[in-house]
């Protein structure tokens, strides 16, 4: 799956273990590393089963959230143009192959 990041700082934290440990602590940093790896190897986002994935809303946008450790949550949004949506207007996660990491927060 293709993966982008909302900000450069977020990208650095997700790709550099030392920055993730410094910001999140060792347990959440390790979980983040695993979830990012899981997302990268999946073909579609709905194939990622680790981290108790769930559909949520983030600033009015559909997202998938994954639990990390220490109450941190990783949120990703679809990053397709045009968006992959169902007839009801909701994101069709079974067709999402491009995601953007939008937040990692408690």
PDB file of N, CA and C in Angstrom:
ATOM      1  N   UNK A   1       0.840  -1.165   0.000  1.00  0.00           N
ATOM      2  CA  UNK A   1       0.000   0.000   0.000  1.00  0.00           C
ATOM      3  C   UNK A   1       0.893   1.238   0.000  1.00  0.00           C
ATOM      4  N   UNK A   2       0.423   2.287  -0.642  1.00  0.00           N
ATOM      5  CA  UNK A   2       1.147   3.555  -0.648  1.00  0.00           C
ATOM      6  C   UNK A   2       0.821   4.330   0.619  1.00  0.00           C
ATOM      7  N   UNK A   3       1.843   4.955   1.194  1.00  0.00           N
ATOM      8  CA  UNK A   3       1.697   5.642   2.474  1.00  0.00           C
ATOM      9  C   UNK A   3       2.323   7.017   2.384  1.00  0.00           C
ATOM     10  N   UNK A   4       1.547   8.036   2.784  1.00  0.00           N
ATOM     11  CA  UNK A   4       2.053   9.396   2.889  1.00  0.00           C
ATOM     12  C   UNK A   4       1.761   9.894   4.296  1.00  0.00           C
ATOM     13  N   UNK A   5       2.210  11.102   4.580  1.00  0.00           N
ATOM     14  CA  UNK A   5       2.094  11.649   5.928  1.00  0.00           C
ATOM     15  C   UNK A   5       1.571  13.070   5.881  1.00  0.00           C
ATOM     16  N   UNK A   6       0.763  13.420   6.873  1.00  0.00           N
ATOM     17  CA  UNK A   6       0.167  14.754   6.971  1.00  0.00           C
ATOM     18  C   UNK A   6       1.244  15.840   7.078  1.00  0.00           C
ATOM     19  N   UNK A   7       2.289  15.557   7.860  1.00  0.00           N
ATOM     20  CA  UNK A   7       3.354  16.541   8.064  1.00  0.00           C
ATOM     21  C   UNK A   7       4.720  15.855   7.991  1.00  0.00           C
ATOM     22  N   UNK A   8       5.734  16.641   7.777  1.00  0.00           N
ATOM     23  CA  UNK A   8       7.103  16.126   7.768  1.00  0.00           C
ATOM     24  C   UNK A   8       7.489  15.604   9.151  1.00  0.00           C
ATOM     25  N   UNK A   9       7.068  16.303  10.189  1.00  0.00           N
ATOM     26  CA  UNK A   9       7.362  15.871  11.557  1.00  0.00           C
ATOM     27  C   UNK A   9       6.741  14.499  11.841  1.00  0.00           C
ATOM     28  N   UNK A  10       5.522  14.295  11.394  1.00  0.00           N
ATOM     29  CA  UNK A  10       4.846  13.015  11.573  1.00  0.00           C
ATOM     30  C   UNK A  10       5.573  11.914  10.787  1.00  0.00           C
ATOM     31  N   UNK A  11       5.993  12.225   9.585  1.00  0.00           N
ATOM     32  CA  UNK A  11       6.761  11.269   8.782  1.00  0.00           C
ATOM     33  C   UNK A  11       8.049  10.876   9.487  1.00  0.00           C
ATOM     34  N   UNK A  12       8.761  11.882   9.999  1.00  0.00           N
ATOM     35  CA  UNK A  12      10.020  11.599  10.699  1.00  0.00           C
ATOM     36  C   UNK A  12       9.793  10.701  11.907  1.00  0.00           C
ATOM     37  N   UNK A  13       8.743  10.964  12.661  1.00  0.00           N
ATOM     38  CA  UNK A  13       8.459  10.140  13.839  1.00  0.00           C
ATOM     39  C   UNK A  13       8.125   8.704  13.431  1.00  0.00           C
ATOM     40  N   UNK A  14       7.389   8.545  12.330  1.00  0.00           N
ATOM     41  CA  UNK A  14       6.998   7.201  11.893  1.00  0.00           C
ATOM     42  C   UNK A  14       8.151   6.434  11.262  1.00  0.00           C
ATOM     43  N   UNK A  15       9.134   7.137  10.734  1.00  0.00           N
ATOM     44  CA  UNK A  15      10.231   6.473  10.033  1.00  0.00           C
ATOM     45  C   UNK A  15      11.530   6.421  10.823  1.00  0.00           C
ATOM     46  N   UNK A  16      11.629   7.190  11.902  1.00  0.00           N
ATOM     47  CA  UNK A  16      12.861   7.220  12.687  1.00  0.00           C
ATOM     48  C   UNK A  16      12.543   6.774  14.109  1.00  0.00           C
ATOM     49  N   UNK A  17      13.022   5.588  14.439  1.00  0.00           N
ATOM     50  CA  UNK A  17      12.690   4.975  15.718  1.00  0.00           C
ATOM     51  C   UNK A  17      13.073   5.852  16.908  1.00  0.00           C
ATOM     52  N   UNK A  18      14.221   6.493  16.847  1.00  0.00           N
ATOM     53  CA  UNK A  18      14.669   7.332  17.971  1.00  0.00           C
ATOM     54  C   UNK A  18      13.690   8.476  18.233  1.00  0.00           C
ATOM     55  N   UNK A  19      13.188   9.091  17.174  1.00  0.00           N
ATOM     56  CA  UNK A  19      12.217  10.176  17.345  1.00  0.00           C
ATOM     57  C   UNK A  19      10.909   9.649  17.923  1.00  0.00           C
ATOM     58  N   UNK A  20      10.489   8.478  17.462  1.00  0.00           N
ATOM     59  CA  UNK A  20       9.250   7.892  17.979  1.00  0.00           C
ATOM     60  C   UNK A  20       9.393   7.551  19.460  1.00  0.00           C
ATOM     61  N   UNK A  21      10.512   6.960  19.840  1.00  0.00           N
ATOM     62  CA  UNK A  21      10.746   6.626  21.256  1.00  0.00           C
ATOM     63  C   UNK A  21      10.748   7.887  22.103  1.00  0.00           C
ATOM     64  N   UNK A  22      11.405   8.918  21.626  1.00  0.00           N
ATOM     65  CA  UNK A  22      11.491  10.177  22.366  1.00  0.00           C
ATOM     66  C   UNK A  22      10.115  10.797  22.576  1.00  0.00           C
ATOM     67  N   UNK A  23       9.251  10.696  21.570  1.00  0.00           N
ATOM     68  CA  UNK A  23       7.931  11.321  21.639  1.00  0.00           C
ATOM     69  C   UNK A  23       6.866  10.456  22.286  1.00  0.00           C
ATOM     70  N   UNK A  24       6.927   9.141  22.033  1.00  0.00           N
ATOM     71  CA  UNK A  24       5.840   8.254  22.461  1.00  0.00           C
ATOM     72  C   UNK A  24       6.220   7.305  23.585  1.00  0.00           C
ATOM     73  N   UNK A  25       7.515   7.105  23.791  1.00  0.00           N
ATOM     74  CA  UNK A  25       7.973   6.078  24.716  1.00  0.00           C
ATOM     75  C   UNK A  25       8.228   4.785  23.945  1.00  0.00           C
ATOM     76  N   UNK A  26       8.967   3.854  24.555  1.00  0.00           N
ATOM     77  CA  UNK A  26       9.392   2.654  23.815  1.00  0.00           C
ATOM     78  C   UNK A  26       8.248   1.723  23.391  1.00  0.00           C
ATOM     79  N   UNK A  27       7.236   1.541  24.211  1.00  0.00           N
ATOM     80  CA  UNK A  27       6.154   0.617  23.868  1.00  0.00           C
ATOM     81  C   UNK A  27       5.311   1.129  22.707  1.00  0.00           C
ATOM     82  N   UNK A  28       4.903   2.366  22.774  1.00  0.00           N
ATOM     83  CA  UNK A  28       4.090   2.943  21.699  1.00  0.00           C
ATOM     84  C   UNK A  28       4.916   3.080  20.419  1.00  0.00           C
ATOM     85  N   UNK A  29       6.198   3.403  20.539  1.00  0.00           N
ATOM     86  CA  UNK A  29       7.061   3.517  19.366  1.00  0.00           C
ATOM     87  C   UNK A  29       7.183   2.168  18.654  1.00  0.00           C
ATOM     88  N   UNK A  30       7.342   1.107  19.415  1.00  0.00           N
ATOM     89  CA  UNK A  30       7.430  -0.235  18.824  1.00  0.00           C
ATOM     90  C   UNK A  30       6.107  -0.611  18.144  1.00  0.00           C
ATOM     91  N   UNK A  31       4.995  -0.299  18.781  1.00  0.00           N
ATOM     92  CA  UNK A  31       3.685  -0.583  18.184  1.00  0.00           C
ATOM     93  C   UNK A  31       3.480   0.236  16.906  1.00  0.00           C
ATOM     94  N   UNK A  32       3.915   1.489  16.922  1.00  0.00           N
ATOM     95  CA  UNK A  32       3.808   2.337  15.736  1.00  0.00           C
ATOM     96  C   UNK A  32       4.608   1.737  14.588  1.00  0.00           C
ATOM     97  N   UNK A  33       5.817   1.314  14.861  1.00  0.00           N
ATOM     98  CA  UNK A  33       6.664   0.706  13.841  1.00  0.00           C
ATOM     99  C   UNK A  33       5.971  -0.518  13.222  1.00  0.00           C
ATOM    100  N   UNK A  34       5.360  -1.335  14.057  1.00  0.00           N
ATOM    101  CA  UNK A  34       4.658  -2.523  13.568  1.00  0.00           C
ATOM    102  C   UNK A  34       3.437  -2.164  12.732  1.00  0.00           C
ATOM    103  N   UNK A  35       2.642  -1.182  13.181  1.00  0.00           N
ATOM    104  CA  UNK A  35       1.443  -0.808  12.417  1.00  0.00           C
ATOM    105  C   UNK A  35       1.829  -0.216  11.070  1.00  0.00           C
ATOM    106  N   UNK A  36       2.862   0.626  11.041  1.00  0.00           N
ATOM    107  CA  UNK A  36       3.307   1.207   9.771  1.00  0.00           C
ATOM    108  C   UNK A  36       3.750   0.092   8.834  1.00  0.00           C
ATOM    109  N   UNK A  37       4.472  -0.873   9.361  1.00  0.00           N
ATOM    110  CA  UNK A  37       4.909  -2.015   8.562  1.00  0.00           C
ATOM    111  C   UNK A  37       3.709  -2.816   8.056  1.00  0.00           C
ATOM    112  N   UNK A  38       2.734  -3.057   8.923  1.00  0.00           N
ATOM    113  CA  UNK A  38       1.518  -3.782   8.537  1.00  0.00           C
ATOM    114  C   UNK A  38       0.795  -3.066   7.397  1.00  0.00           C
ATOM    115  N   UNK A  39       0.707  -1.752   7.495  1.00  0.00           N
ATOM    116  CA  UNK A  39       0.011  -0.964   6.485  1.00  0.00           C
ATOM    117  C   UNK A  39       0.762  -1.034   5.158  1.00  0.00           C
ATOM    118  N   UNK A  40       2.065  -0.907   5.208  1.00  0.00           N
ATOM    119  CA  UNK A  40       2.867  -0.925   3.970  1.00  0.00           C
ATOM    120  C   UNK A  40       2.743  -2.246   3.213  1.00  0.00           C
ATOM    121  N   UNK A  41       2.673  -3.367   3.917  1.00  0.00           N
ATOM    122  CA  UNK A  41       2.644  -4.662   3.231  1.00  0.00           C
ATOM    123  C   UNK A  41       1.242  -5.085   2.799  1.00  0.00           C
ATOM    124  N   UNK A  42       0.212  -4.482   3.355  1.00  0.00           N
ATOM    125  CA  UNK A  42      -1.162  -4.828   2.964  1.00  0.00           C
ATOM    126  C   UNK A  42      -1.459  -4.270   1.577  1.00  0.00           C
ATOM    127  N   UNK A  43      -2.340  -4.938   0.861  1.00  0.00           N
ATOM    128  CA  UNK A  43      -2.764  -4.420  -0.438  1.00  0.00           C
ATOM    129  C   UNK A  43      -3.838  -3.346  -0.255  1.00  0.00           C
ATOM    130  N   UNK A  44      -4.764  -3.598   0.684  1.00  0.00           N
ATOM    131  CA  UNK A  44      -5.836  -2.650   1.004  1.00  0.00           C
ATOM    132  C   UNK A  44      -5.848  -2.433   2.507  1.00  0.00           C
ATOM    133  N   UNK A  45      -6.261  -1.261   2.934  1.00  0.00           N
ATOM    134  CA  UNK A  45      -6.218  -0.920   4.354  1.00  0.00           C
ATOM    135  C   UNK A  45      -7.103  -1.839   5.197  1.00  0.00           C
ATOM    136  N   UNK A  46      -8.181  -2.345   4.640  1.00  0.00           N
ATOM    137  CA  UNK A  46      -9.062  -3.204   5.435  1.00  0.00           C
ATOM    138  C   UNK A  46      -8.448  -4.579   5.717  1.00  0.00           C
ATOM    139  N   UNK A  47      -7.295  -4.884   5.136  1.00  0.00           N
ATOM    140  CA  UNK A  47      -6.586  -6.140   5.404  1.00  0.00           C
ATOM    141  C   UNK A  47      -5.744  -6.070   6.674  1.00  0.00           C
ATOM    142  N   UNK A  48      -5.513  -4.876   7.199  1.00  0.00           N
ATOM    143  CA  UNK A  48      -4.712  -4.709   8.416  1.00  0.00           C
ATOM    144  C   UNK A  48      -5.611  -5.023   9.611  1.00  0.00           C
ATOM    145  N   UNK A  49      -5.275  -6.085  10.333  1.00  0.00           N
ATOM    146  CA  UNK A  49      -6.116  -6.538  11.440  1.00  0.00           C
ATOM    147  C   UNK A  49      -5.525  -6.225  12.811  1.00  0.00           C
ATOM    148  N   UNK A  50      -4.239  -5.983  12.881  1.00  0.00           N
ATOM    149  CA  UNK A  50      -3.596  -5.702  14.165  1.00  0.00           C
ATOM    150  C   UNK A  50      -3.948  -4.298  14.638  1.00  0.00           C
ATOM    151  N   UNK A  51      -3.945  -4.096  15.944  1.00  0.00           N
ATOM    152  CA  UNK A  51      -4.199  -2.777  16.514  1.00  0.00           C
ATOM    153  C   UNK A  51      -5.663  -2.428  16.647  1.00  0.00           C
ATOM    154  N   UNK A  52      -6.537  -3.409  16.607  1.00  0.00           N
ATOM    155  CA  UNK A  52      -7.979  -3.195  16.740  1.00  0.00           C
ATOM    156  C   UNK A  52      -8.485  -2.073  15.825  1.00  0.00           C
ATOM    157  N   UNK A  53      -8.318  -2.236  14.510  1.00  0.00           N
ATOM    158  CA  UNK A  53      -8.742  -1.171  13.589  1.00  0.00           C
ATOM    159  C   UNK A  53     -10.239  -0.900  13.678  1.00  0.00           C
ATOM    160  N   UNK A  54     -10.573   0.363  13.551  1.00  0.00           N
ATOM    161  CA  UNK A  54     -11.972   0.773  13.576  1.00  0.00           C
ATOM    162  C   UNK A  54     -12.134   2.030  12.728  1.00  0.00           C
ATOM    163  N   UNK A  55     -13.310   2.169  12.151  1.00  0.00           N
ATOM    164  CA  UNK A  55     -13.619   3.344  11.347  1.00  0.00           C
ATOM    165  C   UNK A  55     -14.119   4.432  12.283  1.00  0.00           C
ATOM    166  N   UNK A  56     -13.626   5.637  12.057  1.00  0.00           N
ATOM    167  CA  UNK A  56     -13.994   6.773  12.901  1.00  0.00           C
ATOM    168  C   UNK A  56     -14.053   8.029  12.027  1.00  0.00           C
ATOM    169  N   UNK A  57     -14.344   9.139  12.652  1.00  0.00           N
ATOM    170  CA  UNK A  57     -14.330  10.446  11.998  1.00  0.00           C
ATOM    171  C   UNK A  57     -13.220  11.283  12.625  1.00  0.00           C
ATOM    172  N   UNK A  58     -12.456  11.961  11.789  1.00  0.00           N
ATOM    173  CA  UNK A  58     -11.395  12.848  12.251  1.00  0.00           C
ATOM    174  C   UNK A  58     -11.546  14.164  11.506  1.00  0.00           C
ATOM    175  N   UNK A  59     -11.963  15.189  12.221  1.00  0.00           N
ATOM    176  CA  UNK A  59     -12.213  16.500  11.609  1.00  0.00           C
ATOM    177  C   UNK A  59     -13.176  16.391  10.420  1.00  0.00           C
ATOM    178  N   UNK A  60     -14.222  15.570  10.581  1.00  0.00           N
ATOM    179  CA  UNK A  60     -15.232  15.424   9.556  1.00  0.00           C
ATOM    180  C   UNK A  60     -14.869  14.505   8.401  1.00  0.00           C
ATOM    181  N   UNK A  61     -13.742  13.824   8.503  1.00  0.00           N
ATOM    182  CA  UNK A  61     -13.276  12.925   7.448  1.00  0.00           C
ATOM    183  C   UNK A  61     -13.232  11.501   7.963  1.00  0.00           C
ATOM    184  N   UNK A  62     -13.671  10.548   7.129  1.00  0.00           N
ATOM    185  CA  UNK A  62     -13.562   9.140   7.499  1.00  0.00           C
ATOM    186  C   UNK A  62     -12.092   8.778   7.702  1.00  0.00           C
ATOM    187  N   UNK A  63     -11.826   7.984   8.722  1.00  0.00           N
ATOM    188  CA  UNK A  63     -10.468   7.502   8.954  1.00  0.00           C
ATOM    189  C   UNK A  63     -10.537   6.109   9.558  1.00  0.00           C
ATOM    190  N   UNK A  64      -9.393   5.427   9.540  1.00  0.00           N
ATOM    191  CA  UNK A  64      -9.252   4.174  10.259  1.00  0.00           C
ATOM    192  C   UNK A  64      -8.258   4.438  11.373  1.00  0.00           C
ATOM    193  N   UNK A  65      -8.610   4.003  12.579  1.00  0.00           N
ATOM    194  CA  UNK A  65      -7.743   4.195  13.734  1.00  0.00           C
ATOM    195  C   UNK A  65      -7.240   2.844  14.220  1.00  0.00           C
ATOM    196  N   UNK A  66      -5.975   2.838  14.654  1.00  0.00           N
ATOM    197  CA  UNK A  66      -5.327   1.644  15.170  1.00  0.00           C
ATOM    198  C   UNK A  66      -4.788   1.958  16.559  1.00  0.00           C
ATOM    199  N   UNK A  67      -5.058   1.083  17.518  1.00  0.00           N
ATOM    200  CA  UNK A  67      -4.502   1.246  18.855  1.00  0.00           C
ATOM    201  C   UNK A  67      -3.018   0.919  18.825  1.00  0.00           C
ATOM    202  N   UNK A  68      -2.255   1.715  19.546  1.00  0.00           N
ATOM    203  CA  UNK A  68      -0.836   1.441  19.746  1.00  0.00           C
ATOM    204  C   UNK A  68      -0.700   1.002  21.202  1.00  0.00           C
ATOM    205  N   UNK A  69       0.278   1.485  21.920  1.00  0.00           N
ATOM    206  CA  UNK A  69       0.417   1.198  23.346  1.00  0.00           C
ATOM    207  C   UNK A  69       0.285   2.516  24.099  1.00  0.00           C
ATOM    208  N   UNK A  70       0.138   2.422  25.410  1.00  0.00           N
ATOM    209  CA  UNK A  70       0.064   3.610  26.271  1.00  0.00           C
ATOM    210  C   UNK A  70      -1.021   4.585  25.830  1.00  0.00           C
ATOM    211  N   UNK A  71      -2.150   4.048  25.341  1.00  0.00           N
ATOM    212  CA  UNK A  71      -3.313   4.837  24.917  1.00  0.00           C
ATOM    213  C   UNK A  71      -3.081   5.713  23.698  1.00  0.00           C
ATOM    214  N   UNK A  72      -2.035   5.457  22.918  1.00  0.00           N
ATOM    215  CA  UNK A  72      -1.822   6.184  21.668  1.00  0.00           C
ATOM    216  C   UNK A  72      -2.648   5.530  20.575  1.00  0.00           C
ATOM    217  N   UNK A  73      -3.078   6.355  19.616  1.00  0.00           N
ATOM    218  CA  UNK A  73      -3.883   5.888  18.497  1.00  0.00           C
ATOM    219  C   UNK A  73      -3.291   6.464  17.206  1.00  0.00           C
ATOM    220  N   UNK A  74      -3.124   5.595  16.223  1.00  0.00           N
ATOM    221  CA  UNK A  74      -2.679   5.976  14.888  1.00  0.00           C
ATOM    222  C   UNK A  74      -3.913   6.135  14.015  1.00  0.00           C
ATOM    223  N   UNK A  75      -4.045   7.275  13.339  1.00  0.00           N
ATOM    224  CA  UNK A  75      -5.186   7.521  12.446  1.00  0.00           C
ATOM    225  C   UNK A  75      -4.689   7.713  11.020  1.00  0.00           C
ATOM    226  N   UNK A  76      -5.358   7.038  10.076  1.00  0.00           N
ATOM    227  CA  UNK A  76      -5.038   7.193   8.659  1.00  0.00           C
ATOM    228  C   UNK A  76      -6.309   7.515   7.894  1.00  0.00           C
ATOM    229  N   UNK A  77      -6.170   8.314   6.852  1.00  0.00           N
ATOM    230  CA  UNK A  77      -7.281   8.642   5.975  1.00  0.00           C
ATOM    231  C   UNK A  77      -6.963   8.140   4.575  1.00  0.00           C
ATOM    232  N   UNK A  78      -7.996   7.950   3.776  1.00  0.00           N
ATOM    233  CA  UNK A  78      -7.796   7.556   2.380  1.00  0.00           C
ATOM    234  C   UNK A  78      -7.114   8.703   1.653  1.00  0.00           C
ATOM    235  N   UNK A  79      -6.257   8.361   0.705  1.00  0.00           N
ATOM    236  CA  UNK A  79      -5.506   9.385  -0.025  1.00  0.00           C
ATOM    237  C   UNK A  79      -5.638   9.146  -1.528  1.00  0.00           C
ATOM    238  N   UNK A  80      -6.883   9.022  -1.994  1.00  0.00           N
ATOM    239  CA  UNK A  80      -7.177   8.791  -3.406  1.00  0.00           C
ATOM    240  C   UNK A  80      -7.874  10.011  -4.005  1.00  0.00           C
ATOM    241  N   UNK A  81      -7.546  10.285  -5.262  1.00  0.00           N
ATOM    242  CA  UNK A  81      -8.286  11.286  -6.018  1.00  0.00           C
ATOM    243  C   UNK A  81      -8.646  10.612  -7.334  1.00  0.00           C
ATOM    244  N   UNK A  82      -9.900  10.352  -7.628  1.00  0.00           N
ATOM    245  CA  UNK A  82     -11.067  10.652  -6.794  1.00  0.00           C
ATOM    246  C   UNK A  82     -11.165   9.682  -5.620  1.00  0.00           C
ATOM    247  N   UNK A  83     -11.887  10.078  -4.577  1.00  0.00           N
ATOM    248  CA  UNK A  83     -12.017   9.214  -3.398  1.00  0.00           C
ATOM    249  C   UNK A  83     -12.721   7.905  -3.733  1.00  0.00           C
ATOM    250  N   UNK A  84     -12.381   6.869  -2.969  1.00  0.00           N
ATOM    251  CA  UNK A  84     -13.030   5.565  -3.109  1.00  0.00           C
ATOM    252  C   UNK A  84     -14.219   5.550  -2.143  1.00  0.00           C
ATOM    253  N   UNK A  85     -15.405   5.800  -2.665  1.00  0.00           N
ATOM    254  CA  UNK A  85     -16.586   5.880  -1.799  1.00  0.00           C
ATOM    255  C   UNK A  85     -17.675   4.941  -2.279  1.00  0.00           C
ATOM    256  N   UNK A  86     -18.517   4.565  -1.330  1.00  0.00           N
ATOM    257  CA  UNK A  86     -19.703   3.757  -1.613  1.00  0.00           C
ATOM    258  C   UNK A  86     -20.836   4.676  -2.050  1.00  0.00           C
ATOM    259  N   UNK A  87     -21.943   4.091  -2.463  1.00  0.00           N
ATOM    260  CA  UNK A  87     -23.086   4.890  -2.912  1.00  0.00           C
ATOM    261  C   UNK A  87     -23.638   5.778  -1.803  1.00  0.00           C
ATOM    262  N   UNK A  88     -23.395   5.415  -0.526  1.00  0.00           N
ATOM    263  CA  UNK A  88     -23.887   6.228   0.589  1.00  0.00           C
ATOM    264  C   UNK A  88     -22.927   7.361   0.959  1.00  0.00           C
ATOM    265  N   UNK A  89     -21.822   7.490   0.231  1.00  0.00           N
ATOM    266  CA  UNK A  89     -20.876   8.576   0.472  1.00  0.00           C
ATOM    267  C   UNK A  89     -19.767   8.251   1.451  1.00  0.00           C
ATOM    268  N   UNK A  90     -19.829   7.098   2.101  1.00  0.00           N
ATOM    269  CA  UNK A  90     -18.783   6.715   3.050  1.00  0.00           C
ATOM    270  C   UNK A  90     -17.608   6.077   2.306  1.00  0.00           C
ATOM    271  N   UNK A  91     -16.435   6.192   2.885  1.00  0.00           N
ATOM    272  CA  UNK A  91     -15.239   5.621   2.274  1.00  0.00           C
ATOM    273  C   UNK A  91     -15.374   4.110   2.142  1.00  0.00           C
ATOM    274  N   UNK A  92     -15.012   3.591   0.976  1.00  0.00           N
ATOM    275  CA  UNK A  92     -15.014   2.149   0.733  1.00  0.00           C
ATOM    276  C   UNK A  92     -13.611   1.623   1.037  1.00  0.00           C
ATOM    277  N   UNK A  93     -13.392   1.255   2.290  1.00  0.00           N
ATOM    278  CA  UNK A  93     -12.061   0.851   2.753  1.00  0.00           C
ATOM    279  C   UNK A  93     -11.561  -0.409   2.061  1.00  0.00           C
ATOM    280  N   UNK A  94     -12.450  -1.196   1.456  1.00  0.00           N
ATOM    281  CA  UNK A  94     -12.018  -2.403   0.738  1.00  0.00           C
ATOM    282  C   UNK A  94     -11.313  -2.056  -0.568  1.00  0.00           C
ATOM    283  N   UNK A  95     -11.382  -0.783  -0.990  1.00  0.00           N
ATOM    284  CA  UNK A  95     -10.740  -0.331  -2.226  1.00  0.00           C
ATOM    285  C   UNK A  95      -9.634   0.685  -1.988  1.00  0.00           C
ATOM    286  N   UNK A  96      -9.325   0.981  -0.735  1.00  0.00           N
ATOM    287  CA  UNK A  96      -8.324   2.001  -0.421  1.00  0.00           C
ATOM    288  C   UNK A  96      -6.928   1.380  -0.409  1.00  0.00           C
ATOM    289  N   UNK A  97      -6.086   1.825  -1.349  1.00  0.00           N
ATOM    290  CA  UNK A  97      -4.713   1.347  -1.472  1.00  0.00           C
ATOM    291  C   UNK A  97      -3.693   2.450  -1.176  1.00  0.00           C
ATOM    292  N   UNK A  98      -4.174   3.647  -0.942  1.00  0.00           N
ATOM    293  CA  UNK A  98      -3.318   4.783  -0.627  1.00  0.00           C
ATOM    294  C   UNK A  98      -3.862   5.439   0.636  1.00  0.00           C
ATOM    295  N   UNK A  99      -3.028   5.562   1.653  1.00  0.00           N
ATOM    296  CA  UNK A  99      -3.473   6.201   2.880  1.00  0.00           C
ATOM    297  C   UNK A  99      -2.481   7.271   3.319  1.00  0.00           C
ATOM    298  N   UNK A 100      -3.005   8.194   4.102  1.00  0.00           N
ATOM    299  CA  UNK A 100      -2.192   9.255   4.683  1.00  0.00           C
ATOM    300  C   UNK A 100      -2.264   9.132   6.184  1.00  0.00           C
ATOM    301  N   UNK A 101      -1.094   9.058   6.848  1.00  0.00           N
ATOM    302  CA  UNK A 101      -1.048   9.089   8.301  1.00  0.00           C
ATOM    303  C   UNK A 101      -1.352  10.517   8.712  1.00  0.00           C
ATOM    304  N   UNK A 102      -2.438  10.687   9.465  1.00  0.00           N
ATOM    305  CA  UNK A 102      -2.861  12.031   9.839  1.00  0.00           C
ATOM    306  C   UNK A 102      -2.535  12.392  11.278  1.00  0.00           C
ATOM    307  N   UNK A 103      -2.624  11.439  12.190  1.00  0.00           N
ATOM    308  CA  UNK A 103      -2.299  11.732  13.603  1.00  0.00           C
ATOM    309  C   UNK A 103      -1.769  10.490  14.306  1.00  0.00           C
ATOM    310  N   UNK A 104      -0.954  10.733  15.309  1.00  0.00           N
ATOM    311  CA  UNK A 104      -0.578   9.744  16.312  1.00  0.00           C
ATOM    312  C   UNK A 104      -0.690  10.503  17.625  1.00  0.00           C
ATOM    313  N   UNK A 105      -1.735  10.186  18.397  1.00  0.00           N
ATOM    314  CA  UNK A 105      -1.963  10.942  19.621  1.00  0.00           C
ATOM    315  C   UNK A 105      -2.712  10.115  20.645  1.00  0.00           C
ATOM    316  N   UNK A 106      -2.686  10.616  21.871  1.00  0.00           N
ATOM    317  CA  UNK A 106      -3.404   9.938  22.961  1.00  0.00           C
ATOM    318  C   UNK A 106      -4.826  10.445  23.013  1.00  0.00           C
TER     319      UNK A 106
END
